[in-house]
N, C-alpha and C. Protein backbone atom coordinates (compact mmCIF):
# COMPACT_ATOMS: atom_id res chain seq x y z
N UNK A 1 -64.28 -41.01 41.92
CA UNK A 1 -64.32 -39.60 42.18
C UNK A 1 -63.05 -39.17 42.91
N UNK A 2 -62.52 -38.06 42.55
CA UNK A 2 -61.30 -37.56 43.15
C UNK A 2 -61.67 -36.66 44.33
N UNK A 3 -61.44 -37.15 45.55
CA UNK A 3 -61.80 -36.37 46.74
C UNK A 3 -60.78 -35.30 47.01
N UNK A 4 -61.21 -34.26 47.68
CA UNK A 4 -60.34 -33.13 47.99
C UNK A 4 -59.43 -33.49 49.17
N UNK A 5 -58.50 -34.38 48.93
CA UNK A 5 -57.58 -34.84 49.96
C UNK A 5 -56.18 -34.86 49.35
N UNK A 6 -55.17 -34.81 50.20
CA UNK A 6 -53.80 -34.97 49.74
C UNK A 6 -53.03 -35.70 50.83
N UNK A 7 -51.90 -36.27 50.47
CA UNK A 7 -51.12 -37.08 51.39
C UNK A 7 -50.03 -36.24 52.05
N UNK A 8 -49.92 -36.37 53.36
CA UNK A 8 -48.88 -35.66 54.12
C UNK A 8 -47.52 -36.23 53.73
N UNK A 9 -46.56 -35.39 53.38
CA UNK A 9 -45.23 -35.89 53.03
C UNK A 9 -44.48 -36.48 54.22
N UNK A 10 -44.92 -36.18 55.44
CA UNK A 10 -44.25 -36.69 56.64
C UNK A 10 -44.70 -38.08 57.05
N UNK A 11 -46.04 -38.26 57.16
CA UNK A 11 -46.56 -39.54 57.66
C UNK A 11 -47.36 -40.32 56.62
N UNK A 12 -47.56 -39.75 55.45
CA UNK A 12 -48.28 -40.41 54.34
C UNK A 12 -49.76 -40.63 54.61
N UNK A 13 -50.34 -39.89 55.55
CA UNK A 13 -51.77 -40.00 55.83
C UNK A 13 -52.53 -38.94 55.03
N UNK A 14 -53.79 -39.23 54.70
CA UNK A 14 -54.63 -38.31 53.93
C UNK A 14 -55.08 -37.14 54.79
N UNK A 15 -55.08 -35.95 54.20
CA UNK A 15 -55.53 -34.72 54.85
C UNK A 15 -56.41 -33.93 53.90
N UNK A 16 -57.29 -33.11 54.46
CA UNK A 16 -58.10 -32.20 53.68
C UNK A 16 -57.18 -31.22 52.96
N UNK A 17 -57.52 -30.83 51.72
CA UNK A 17 -56.65 -29.96 50.95
C UNK A 17 -56.47 -28.58 51.58
N UNK A 18 -57.35 -28.18 52.49
CA UNK A 18 -57.25 -26.87 53.11
C UNK A 18 -56.51 -26.91 54.45
N UNK A 19 -56.07 -28.09 54.88
CA UNK A 19 -55.37 -28.22 56.16
C UNK A 19 -54.02 -27.49 56.11
N UNK A 20 -53.68 -26.82 57.18
CA UNK A 20 -52.36 -26.17 57.26
C UNK A 20 -51.39 -27.00 58.09
N UNK A 21 -51.94 -27.93 58.89
CA UNK A 21 -51.14 -28.89 59.65
C UNK A 21 -51.74 -30.27 59.45
N UNK A 22 -50.90 -31.29 59.43
CA UNK A 22 -51.36 -32.66 59.28
C UNK A 22 -52.27 -33.03 60.45
N UNK A 23 -53.41 -33.61 60.16
CA UNK A 23 -54.36 -34.01 61.19
C UNK A 23 -53.86 -35.22 61.97
N UNK A 24 -52.84 -35.91 61.47
CA UNK A 24 -52.36 -37.14 62.09
C UNK A 24 -51.05 -36.94 62.86
N UNK A 25 -50.06 -36.29 62.22
CA UNK A 25 -48.76 -36.13 62.88
C UNK A 25 -48.46 -34.69 63.30
N UNK A 26 -49.31 -33.72 62.87
CA UNK A 26 -49.13 -32.33 63.26
C UNK A 26 -48.13 -31.54 62.45
N UNK A 27 -47.51 -32.18 61.44
CA UNK A 27 -46.51 -31.49 60.62
C UNK A 27 -47.14 -30.31 59.90
N UNK A 28 -46.37 -29.22 59.78
CA UNK A 28 -46.84 -28.05 59.03
C UNK A 28 -46.87 -28.41 57.55
N UNK A 29 -47.94 -28.03 56.88
CA UNK A 29 -48.11 -28.34 55.47
C UNK A 29 -48.05 -27.06 54.66
N UNK A 30 -47.20 -27.04 53.65
CA UNK A 30 -47.07 -25.87 52.80
C UNK A 30 -48.00 -26.01 51.61
N UNK A 31 -48.31 -24.91 50.91
CA UNK A 31 -49.13 -25.01 49.69
C UNK A 31 -48.52 -25.95 48.66
N UNK A 32 -47.19 -26.05 48.63
CA UNK A 32 -46.54 -26.97 47.69
C UNK A 32 -46.91 -28.41 48.03
N UNK A 33 -47.00 -28.75 49.34
CA UNK A 33 -47.42 -30.09 49.75
C UNK A 33 -48.81 -30.41 49.23
N UNK A 34 -49.67 -29.41 49.16
CA UNK A 34 -51.06 -29.62 48.74
C UNK A 34 -51.21 -29.59 47.23
N UNK A 35 -50.11 -29.54 46.49
CA UNK A 35 -50.19 -29.55 45.05
C UNK A 35 -50.46 -28.18 44.45
N UNK A 36 -50.20 -27.13 45.20
CA UNK A 36 -50.44 -25.79 44.68
C UNK A 36 -49.48 -25.51 43.53
N UNK A 37 -49.96 -24.86 42.50
CA UNK A 37 -49.09 -24.55 41.38
C UNK A 37 -48.11 -23.45 41.73
N UNK A 38 -46.98 -23.43 41.09
CA UNK A 38 -46.07 -22.31 41.35
C UNK A 38 -46.70 -21.01 40.85
N UNK A 39 -46.46 -19.94 41.55
CA UNK A 39 -47.04 -18.65 41.19
C UNK A 39 -46.52 -18.17 39.83
N UNK A 40 -45.46 -18.76 39.33
CA UNK A 40 -44.84 -18.29 38.10
C UNK A 40 -45.72 -18.47 36.86
N UNK A 41 -46.88 -19.14 36.95
CA UNK A 41 -47.76 -19.26 35.78
C UNK A 41 -48.18 -17.88 35.27
N UNK A 42 -48.42 -16.95 36.17
CA UNK A 42 -48.85 -15.61 35.78
C UNK A 42 -47.64 -14.70 35.88
N UNK A 43 -47.10 -14.32 34.74
CA UNK A 43 -45.89 -13.49 34.70
C UNK A 43 -46.17 -12.08 34.19
N UNK A 44 -47.36 -11.87 33.69
CA UNK A 44 -47.69 -10.57 33.10
C UNK A 44 -48.98 -10.06 33.69
N UNK A 45 -49.24 -8.77 33.54
CA UNK A 45 -50.53 -8.23 34.00
C UNK A 45 -51.69 -8.89 33.27
N UNK A 46 -52.87 -8.74 33.81
CA UNK A 46 -54.08 -9.29 33.22
C UNK A 46 -54.19 -8.84 31.76
N UNK A 47 -54.44 -9.77 30.82
CA UNK A 47 -54.53 -9.38 29.41
C UNK A 47 -55.77 -8.54 29.09
N UNK A 48 -56.76 -8.50 29.98
CA UNK A 48 -57.96 -7.71 29.72
C UNK A 48 -57.90 -6.32 30.32
N UNK A 49 -57.38 -6.19 31.57
CA UNK A 49 -57.45 -4.88 32.24
C UNK A 49 -56.09 -4.38 32.74
N UNK A 50 -55.03 -5.16 32.55
CA UNK A 50 -53.66 -4.81 32.95
C UNK A 50 -53.44 -4.77 34.46
N UNK A 51 -54.38 -5.27 35.25
CA UNK A 51 -54.20 -5.33 36.70
C UNK A 51 -53.12 -6.36 37.03
N UNK A 52 -52.42 -6.20 38.16
CA UNK A 52 -51.30 -7.08 38.47
C UNK A 52 -51.55 -8.01 39.67
N UNK A 53 -52.72 -7.96 40.28
CA UNK A 53 -53.01 -8.85 41.40
C UNK A 53 -53.98 -9.94 40.98
N UNK A 54 -53.64 -11.18 41.39
CA UNK A 54 -54.45 -12.34 41.04
C UNK A 54 -54.79 -13.14 42.29
N UNK A 55 -55.96 -13.74 42.30
CA UNK A 55 -56.34 -14.70 43.32
C UNK A 55 -56.02 -16.07 42.75
N UNK A 56 -55.26 -16.90 43.50
CA UNK A 56 -54.88 -18.23 43.03
C UNK A 56 -55.70 -19.25 43.80
N UNK A 57 -56.44 -20.08 43.07
CA UNK A 57 -57.24 -21.14 43.68
C UNK A 57 -56.57 -22.46 43.34
N UNK A 58 -55.94 -23.08 44.32
CA UNK A 58 -55.21 -24.32 44.12
C UNK A 58 -56.10 -25.52 44.39
N UNK A 59 -56.07 -26.48 43.48
CA UNK A 59 -56.92 -27.65 43.65
C UNK A 59 -58.37 -27.24 43.65
N UNK A 60 -58.83 -26.61 42.58
CA UNK A 60 -60.19 -26.08 42.49
C UNK A 60 -61.20 -27.16 42.88
N UNK A 61 -61.97 -26.91 43.93
CA UNK A 61 -62.89 -27.91 44.47
C UNK A 61 -64.34 -27.52 44.20
N UNK A 62 -65.17 -28.55 44.06
CA UNK A 62 -66.61 -28.39 43.87
C UNK A 62 -67.32 -29.28 44.88
N UNK A 63 -68.60 -29.00 45.18
CA UNK A 63 -69.32 -29.86 46.13
C UNK A 63 -69.41 -31.29 45.61
N UNK A 64 -69.22 -32.24 46.50
CA UNK A 64 -69.37 -33.66 46.18
C UNK A 64 -70.81 -34.02 46.51
N UNK A 65 -71.64 -34.19 45.50
CA UNK A 65 -73.07 -34.43 45.72
C UNK A 65 -73.36 -35.81 46.30
N UNK A 66 -72.37 -36.70 46.31
CA UNK A 66 -72.60 -38.04 46.86
C UNK A 66 -72.39 -38.07 48.37
N UNK A 67 -71.75 -37.04 48.94
CA UNK A 67 -71.50 -37.00 50.37
C UNK A 67 -71.78 -35.59 50.89
N UNK A 68 -72.61 -35.51 51.92
CA UNK A 68 -72.94 -34.20 52.50
C UNK A 68 -71.70 -33.55 53.09
N UNK A 69 -71.58 -32.25 52.95
CA UNK A 69 -70.50 -31.44 53.50
C UNK A 69 -69.13 -31.86 53.01
N UNK A 70 -69.06 -32.41 51.82
CA UNK A 70 -67.79 -32.87 51.29
C UNK A 70 -67.47 -32.13 50.00
N UNK A 71 -66.18 -32.03 49.72
CA UNK A 71 -65.72 -31.41 48.48
C UNK A 71 -64.94 -32.44 47.67
N UNK A 72 -64.89 -32.22 46.38
CA UNK A 72 -64.03 -33.02 45.54
C UNK A 72 -63.25 -32.09 44.62
N UNK A 73 -62.01 -32.44 44.34
CA UNK A 73 -61.20 -31.65 43.42
C UNK A 73 -61.72 -31.92 42.02
N UNK A 74 -61.91 -30.86 41.26
CA UNK A 74 -62.41 -30.99 39.89
C UNK A 74 -61.33 -31.62 39.02
N UNK A 75 -61.53 -32.87 38.54
CA UNK A 75 -60.51 -33.49 37.71
C UNK A 75 -60.52 -32.90 36.30
N UNK A 76 -59.39 -32.95 35.63
CA UNK A 76 -59.30 -32.52 34.24
C UNK A 76 -59.97 -33.56 33.36
N UNK A 77 -59.74 -34.84 33.66
CA UNK A 77 -60.33 -35.95 32.91
C UNK A 77 -61.06 -36.86 33.88
N UNK A 78 -62.27 -37.25 33.51
CA UNK A 78 -63.04 -38.21 34.29
C UNK A 78 -63.81 -39.05 33.29
N UNK A 79 -63.43 -40.33 33.14
CA UNK A 79 -64.07 -41.19 32.14
C UNK A 79 -63.89 -42.65 32.52
N UNK A 80 -64.69 -43.50 31.91
CA UNK A 80 -64.57 -44.94 32.13
C UNK A 80 -63.58 -45.52 31.12
N UNK A 81 -62.65 -46.32 31.62
CA UNK A 81 -61.66 -46.97 30.77
C UNK A 81 -61.50 -48.40 31.26
N UNK A 82 -61.89 -49.36 30.42
CA UNK A 82 -61.79 -50.76 30.80
C UNK A 82 -62.63 -51.12 32.01
N UNK A 83 -63.83 -50.56 32.11
CA UNK A 83 -64.72 -50.85 33.21
C UNK A 83 -64.35 -50.16 34.52
N UNK A 84 -63.39 -49.27 34.46
CA UNK A 84 -62.92 -48.58 35.67
C UNK A 84 -63.02 -47.08 35.45
N UNK A 85 -63.41 -46.35 36.50
CA UNK A 85 -63.47 -44.90 36.41
C UNK A 85 -62.06 -44.34 36.51
N UNK A 86 -61.63 -43.60 35.51
CA UNK A 86 -60.30 -42.99 35.48
C UNK A 86 -60.44 -41.49 35.69
N UNK A 87 -59.65 -40.95 36.59
CA UNK A 87 -59.55 -39.50 36.74
C UNK A 87 -58.08 -39.13 36.65
N UNK A 88 -57.83 -37.96 36.14
CA UNK A 88 -56.45 -37.50 36.03
C UNK A 88 -56.42 -35.99 36.13
N UNK A 89 -55.40 -35.50 36.80
CA UNK A 89 -55.17 -34.07 36.89
C UNK A 89 -56.16 -33.34 37.77
N UNK A 90 -55.84 -32.11 38.03
CA UNK A 90 -56.73 -31.20 38.73
C UNK A 90 -56.47 -29.80 38.18
N UNK A 91 -57.39 -28.90 38.45
CA UNK A 91 -57.27 -27.55 37.93
C UNK A 91 -56.83 -26.58 39.01
N UNK A 92 -56.04 -25.60 38.60
CA UNK A 92 -55.69 -24.45 39.42
C UNK A 92 -56.14 -23.23 38.63
N UNK A 93 -56.77 -22.30 39.31
CA UNK A 93 -57.30 -21.11 38.63
C UNK A 93 -56.56 -19.86 39.09
N UNK A 94 -56.29 -18.97 38.17
CA UNK A 94 -55.70 -17.67 38.44
C UNK A 94 -56.75 -16.64 38.01
N UNK A 95 -57.27 -15.88 38.97
CA UNK A 95 -58.37 -14.95 38.71
C UNK A 95 -57.88 -13.52 38.94
N UNK A 96 -58.06 -12.67 37.94
CA UNK A 96 -57.70 -11.26 38.09
C UNK A 96 -58.56 -10.66 39.20
N UNK A 97 -57.92 -10.03 40.17
CA UNK A 97 -58.62 -9.46 41.32
C UNK A 97 -59.45 -8.23 40.96
N UNK A 98 -59.25 -7.69 39.75
CA UNK A 98 -60.01 -6.49 39.36
C UNK A 98 -61.18 -6.82 38.43
N UNK A 99 -60.94 -7.59 37.36
CA UNK A 99 -62.00 -7.80 36.37
C UNK A 99 -62.55 -9.23 36.35
N UNK A 100 -61.86 -10.18 37.01
CA UNK A 100 -62.36 -11.55 37.05
C UNK A 100 -61.89 -12.45 35.93
N UNK A 101 -61.10 -11.92 35.00
CA UNK A 101 -60.55 -12.75 33.93
C UNK A 101 -59.84 -13.94 34.57
N UNK A 102 -60.07 -15.16 34.07
CA UNK A 102 -59.55 -16.36 34.70
C UNK A 102 -58.75 -17.21 33.73
N UNK A 103 -57.59 -17.67 34.18
CA UNK A 103 -56.78 -18.63 33.44
C UNK A 103 -56.75 -19.92 34.24
N UNK A 104 -56.91 -21.06 33.56
CA UNK A 104 -56.90 -22.37 34.21
C UNK A 104 -55.63 -23.10 33.81
N UNK A 105 -55.02 -23.79 34.78
CA UNK A 105 -53.85 -24.62 34.52
C UNK A 105 -54.11 -26.01 35.09
N UNK A 106 -53.68 -27.01 34.35
CA UNK A 106 -53.89 -28.40 34.76
C UNK A 106 -52.62 -28.99 35.37
N UNK A 107 -52.81 -29.92 36.30
CA UNK A 107 -51.69 -30.67 36.88
C UNK A 107 -51.70 -32.09 36.31
N UNK A 108 -50.70 -32.87 36.63
CA UNK A 108 -50.57 -34.28 36.25
C UNK A 108 -50.54 -34.44 34.73
N UNK A 109 -49.73 -33.63 34.09
CA UNK A 109 -49.67 -33.65 32.63
C UNK A 109 -49.18 -35.00 32.09
N UNK A 110 -48.31 -35.68 32.83
CA UNK A 110 -47.82 -36.99 32.37
C UNK A 110 -48.99 -37.97 32.24
N UNK A 111 -49.87 -38.01 33.26
CA UNK A 111 -51.02 -38.93 33.23
C UNK A 111 -52.00 -38.50 32.14
N UNK A 112 -52.19 -37.21 31.94
CA UNK A 112 -53.08 -36.75 30.88
C UNK A 112 -52.56 -37.18 29.52
N UNK A 113 -51.24 -37.09 29.33
CA UNK A 113 -50.62 -37.52 28.07
C UNK A 113 -50.81 -39.02 27.86
N UNK A 114 -50.70 -39.80 28.93
CA UNK A 114 -50.91 -41.25 28.84
C UNK A 114 -52.32 -41.58 28.39
N UNK A 115 -53.30 -40.80 28.83
CA UNK A 115 -54.70 -41.07 28.49
C UNK A 115 -55.06 -40.61 27.09
N UNK A 116 -54.23 -39.73 26.51
CA UNK A 116 -54.51 -39.25 25.14
C UNK A 116 -54.52 -40.44 24.19
N UNK A 117 -55.60 -40.61 23.47
CA UNK A 117 -55.74 -41.71 22.54
C UNK A 117 -56.41 -42.94 23.14
N UNK A 118 -56.37 -43.08 24.46
CA UNK A 118 -57.04 -44.21 25.12
C UNK A 118 -58.51 -43.90 25.38
N UNK A 119 -58.82 -42.61 25.53
CA UNK A 119 -60.19 -42.17 25.75
C UNK A 119 -60.63 -41.32 24.57
N UNK A 120 -61.88 -41.46 24.17
CA UNK A 120 -62.39 -40.67 23.05
C UNK A 120 -62.36 -39.18 23.34
N UNK A 121 -62.48 -38.80 24.59
CA UNK A 121 -62.55 -37.39 24.95
C UNK A 121 -61.18 -36.74 25.17
N UNK A 122 -60.10 -37.52 25.07
CA UNK A 122 -58.77 -36.99 25.31
C UNK A 122 -57.90 -37.29 24.11
N UNK A 123 -57.36 -36.24 23.50
CA UNK A 123 -56.48 -36.45 22.35
C UNK A 123 -55.36 -35.44 22.39
N UNK A 124 -54.30 -35.75 21.70
CA UNK A 124 -53.13 -34.88 21.63
C UNK A 124 -53.15 -34.22 20.25
N UNK A 125 -52.87 -32.92 20.20
CA UNK A 125 -52.75 -32.23 18.93
C UNK A 125 -51.40 -31.52 18.89
N UNK A 126 -50.93 -31.26 17.71
CA UNK A 126 -49.67 -30.52 17.53
C UNK A 126 -50.02 -29.27 16.75
N UNK A 127 -49.70 -28.12 17.29
CA UNK A 127 -50.06 -26.85 16.64
C UNK A 127 -48.83 -26.14 16.11
N UNK A 128 -47.82 -26.90 15.69
CA UNK A 128 -46.60 -26.26 15.17
C UNK A 128 -46.85 -25.57 13.83
N UNK A 129 -47.88 -25.98 13.11
CA UNK A 129 -48.22 -25.34 11.85
C UNK A 129 -49.44 -24.45 12.04
N UNK A 130 -50.08 -24.05 10.95
CA UNK A 130 -51.30 -23.24 11.05
C UNK A 130 -52.37 -24.01 11.83
N UNK A 131 -53.05 -23.30 12.73
CA UNK A 131 -54.04 -23.93 13.57
C UNK A 131 -55.24 -23.04 13.76
N UNK A 132 -56.43 -23.64 13.85
CA UNK A 132 -57.63 -22.85 14.12
C UNK A 132 -57.79 -22.51 15.60
N UNK A 133 -56.89 -22.98 16.48
CA UNK A 133 -57.08 -22.82 17.91
C UNK A 133 -56.60 -21.50 18.46
N UNK A 134 -55.78 -20.74 17.73
CA UNK A 134 -55.35 -19.44 18.23
C UNK A 134 -55.18 -18.47 17.10
């Protein structure tokens, strides 16, 4: 399970994803340290209502049912591979502040690409030609 933790770039100790200062060395932690996506993903107004303000949820977390009062980052991929639980990536959500339209972006694309073809649930497609997906 991928816990909602990240490593401090200063002392390499684990911290809660919502920490603004390292719990171990006191270093200030920026959203970039926590794996926050660059704001540049949303470059245009909302495609549904044309509103221009978005709420950005970095490292989208859900309750960890195995531990009370704990959160886990929602992985993009979670599957068994060779007798081992593999997780890769995390989601960042951009939510229109007016209508709620949401766009999801994944992190760790290199690891996701590596898992394509190794897991039945992960595959790579090429949509350079006609495609039913858009």
